[in-house]
Amino acid sequence: MCASGTTAAENLSKAAATATAVIDAWMHSPGHRSNLLDPALTQIGVGCVRDGESMLCSQVFLGPLPTAVVAAAHCLARTLTRS
């Protein structure tokens, strides 16, 4: 359970594609597009790493307020470790 008033989302990609192609694919996916355009998600972290011939990329979105960043990050970390 996330702290009251916080929100978190993520977009993940593993593909042998350019960054432009990945963003294009996310923009054509309703869930990914929603994360990219959600005005409540005011913070973002981005990371990419090579995995063989593919590139693994993650966008982590947090919001709504800068004071919620730590609580949302803890919430997301707890959620990811349960997966």
C-alpha atoms as a PDB file:
ATOM      1  CA  MET A   1       0.000   0.000   0.000  1.00  0.00           C
ATOM      2  CA  CYS A   2       1.341   3.428  -0.966  1.00  0.00           C
ATOM      3  CA  ALA A   3       1.189   6.359   1.415  1.00  0.00           C
ATOM      4  CA  SER A   4      -1.950   8.453   1.101  1.00  0.00           C
ATOM      5  CA  GLY A   5      -1.663  11.052  -1.659  1.00  0.00           C
ATOM      6  CA  THR A   6       1.245   9.392  -3.468  1.00  0.00           C
ATOM      7  CA  THR A   7       1.267   7.717  -6.829  1.00  0.00           C
ATOM      8  CA  ALA A   8       3.838   5.752  -8.807  1.00  0.00           C
ATOM      9  CA  ALA A   9       3.997   4.209 -12.278  1.00  0.00           C
ATOM     10  CA  GLU A  10       6.568   2.681 -14.600  1.00  0.00           C
ATOM     11  CA  ASN A  11       7.216   1.968 -18.260  1.00  0.00           C
ATOM     12  CA  LEU A  12       9.561  -0.878 -19.172  1.00  0.00           C
ATOM     13  CA  SER A  13      11.018  -1.911 -22.515  1.00  0.00           C
ATOM     14  CA  LYS A  14      13.367  -4.637 -23.691  1.00  0.00           C
ATOM     15  CA  ALA A  15      13.899  -4.424 -27.424  1.00  0.00           C
ATOM     16  CA  ALA A  16      16.453  -4.189 -30.195  1.00  0.00           C
ATOM     17  CA  ALA A  17      15.002  -0.798 -31.133  1.00  0.00           C
ATOM     18  CA  THR A  18      16.015   2.842 -31.127  1.00  0.00           C
ATOM     19  CA  ALA A  19      14.937   5.154 -28.320  1.00  0.00           C
ATOM     20  CA  THR A  20      12.616   6.870 -30.779  1.00  0.00           C
ATOM     21  CA  ALA A  21      10.961   3.548 -31.665  1.00  0.00           C
ATOM     22  CA  VAL A  22      10.494   2.673 -27.977  1.00  0.00           C
ATOM     23  CA  ILE A  23       8.829   6.033 -27.218  1.00  0.00           C
ATOM     24  CA  ASP A  24       6.657   5.646 -30.321  1.00  0.00           C
ATOM     25  CA  ALA A  25       5.553   2.189 -29.127  1.00  0.00           C
ATOM     26  CA  TRP A  26       4.804   3.541 -25.624  1.00  0.00           C
ATOM     27  CA  MET A  27       2.753   6.398 -27.103  1.00  0.00           C
ATOM     28  CA  HIS A  28       0.643   3.853 -29.009  1.00  0.00           C
ATOM     29  CA  SER A  29       0.023   1.755 -25.872  1.00  0.00           C
ATOM     30  CA  PRO A  30      -2.851   3.175 -23.776  1.00  0.00           C
ATOM     31  CA  GLY A  31      -1.271   2.250 -20.417  1.00  0.00           C
ATOM     32  CA  HIS A  32       2.222   3.494 -21.258  1.00  0.00           C
ATOM     33  CA  ARG A  33       0.842   6.654 -22.871  1.00  0.00           C
ATOM     34  CA  SER A  34      -1.219   7.340 -19.759  1.00  0.00           C
ATOM     35  CA  ASN A  35       1.930   7.190 -17.599  1.00  0.00           C
ATOM     36  CA  LEU A  36       3.813   9.549 -19.936  1.00  0.00           C
ATOM     37  CA  LEU A  37       1.026  12.133 -20.028  1.00  0.00           C
ATOM     38  CA  ASP A  38      -0.349  11.932 -16.452  1.00  0.00           C
ATOM     39  CA  PRO A  39      -0.024  15.446 -14.948  1.00  0.00           C
ATOM     40  CA  ALA A  40      -0.065  13.970 -11.415  1.00  0.00           C
ATOM     41  CA  LEU A  41       3.266  12.217 -12.107  1.00  0.00           C
ATOM     42  CA  THR A  42       5.669  15.096 -11.538  1.00  0.00           C
ATOM     43  CA  GLN A  43       8.992  13.259 -11.054  1.00  0.00           C
ATOM     44  CA  ILE A  44      10.754  10.828 -13.398  1.00  0.00           C
ATOM     45  CA  GLY A  45      13.782   8.592 -13.306  1.00  0.00           C
ATOM     46  CA  VAL A  46      15.130   6.931 -16.458  1.00  0.00           C
ATOM     47  CA  GLY A  47      17.689   4.168 -16.859  1.00  0.00           C
ATOM     48  CA  CYS A  48      18.862   1.980 -19.738  1.00  0.00           C
ATOM     49  CA  VAL A  49      21.338  -0.892 -19.944  1.00  0.00           C
ATOM     50  CA  ARG A  50      22.459  -3.212 -22.760  1.00  0.00           C
ATOM     51  CA  ASP A  51      21.251  -6.791 -22.474  1.00  0.00           C
ATOM     52  CA  GLY A  52      22.897  -8.711 -25.296  1.00  0.00           C
ATOM     53  CA  GLU A  53      21.460  -7.359 -28.540  1.00  0.00           C
ATOM     54  CA  SER A  54      18.624  -5.597 -26.704  1.00  0.00           C
ATOM     55  CA  MET A  55      18.361  -2.431 -24.673  1.00  0.00           C
ATOM     56  CA  LEU A  56      16.492  -2.658 -21.356  1.00  0.00           C
ATOM     57  CA  CYS A  57      14.957   0.687 -20.390  1.00  0.00           C
ATOM     58  CA  SER A  58      12.866   1.783 -17.436  1.00  0.00           C
ATOM     59  CA  GLN A  59      10.996   4.976 -16.681  1.00  0.00           C
ATOM     60  CA  VAL A  60       9.779   5.390 -13.091  1.00  0.00           C
ATOM     61  CA  PHE A  61       7.220   8.124 -12.471  1.00  0.00           C
ATOM     62  CA  LEU A  62       6.371   9.566  -9.052  1.00  0.00           C
ATOM     63  CA  GLY A  63       3.951  12.174  -7.823  1.00  0.00           C
ATOM     64  CA  PRO A  64       2.143  14.260  -7.055  1.00  0.00           C
ATOM     65  CA  LEU A  65       4.349  16.489  -4.874  1.00  0.00           C
ATOM     66  CA  PRO A  66       8.125  16.653  -4.372  1.00  0.00           C
ATOM     67  CA  THR A  67       7.550  15.866  -0.672  1.00  0.00           C
ATOM     68  CA  ALA A  68       5.943  12.576  -1.725  1.00  0.00           C
ATOM     69  CA  VAL A  69       9.009  11.348  -3.642  1.00  0.00           C
ATOM     70  CA  VAL A  70      10.549   9.318  -0.803  1.00  0.00           C
ATOM     71  CA  ALA A  71       7.248   7.683   0.179  1.00  0.00           C
ATOM     72  CA  ALA A  72       6.394   6.851  -3.446  1.00  0.00           C
ATOM     73  CA  ALA A  73       9.871   5.439  -4.107  1.00  0.00           C
ATOM     74  CA  HIS A  74       9.567   3.186  -1.048  1.00  0.00           C
ATOM     75  CA  CYS A  75       6.108   2.132  -2.194  1.00  0.00           C
ATOM     76  CA  LEU A  76       7.357   1.286  -5.683  1.00  0.00           C
ATOM     77  CA  ALA A  77      10.336  -0.629  -4.284  1.00  0.00           C
ATOM     78  CA  ARG A  78       8.017  -2.691  -2.053  1.00  0.00           C
ATOM     79  CA  THR A  79       5.699  -3.334  -5.020  1.00  0.00           C
ATOM     80  CA  LEU A  80       8.587  -4.426  -7.297  1.00  0.00           C
ATOM     81  CA  THR A  81      10.084  -6.787  -4.716  1.00  0.00           C
ATOM     82  CA  ARG A  82       6.706  -8.576  -4.439  1.00  0.00           C
ATOM     83  CA  SER A  83       6.570  -9.244  -8.198  1.00  0.00           C
END
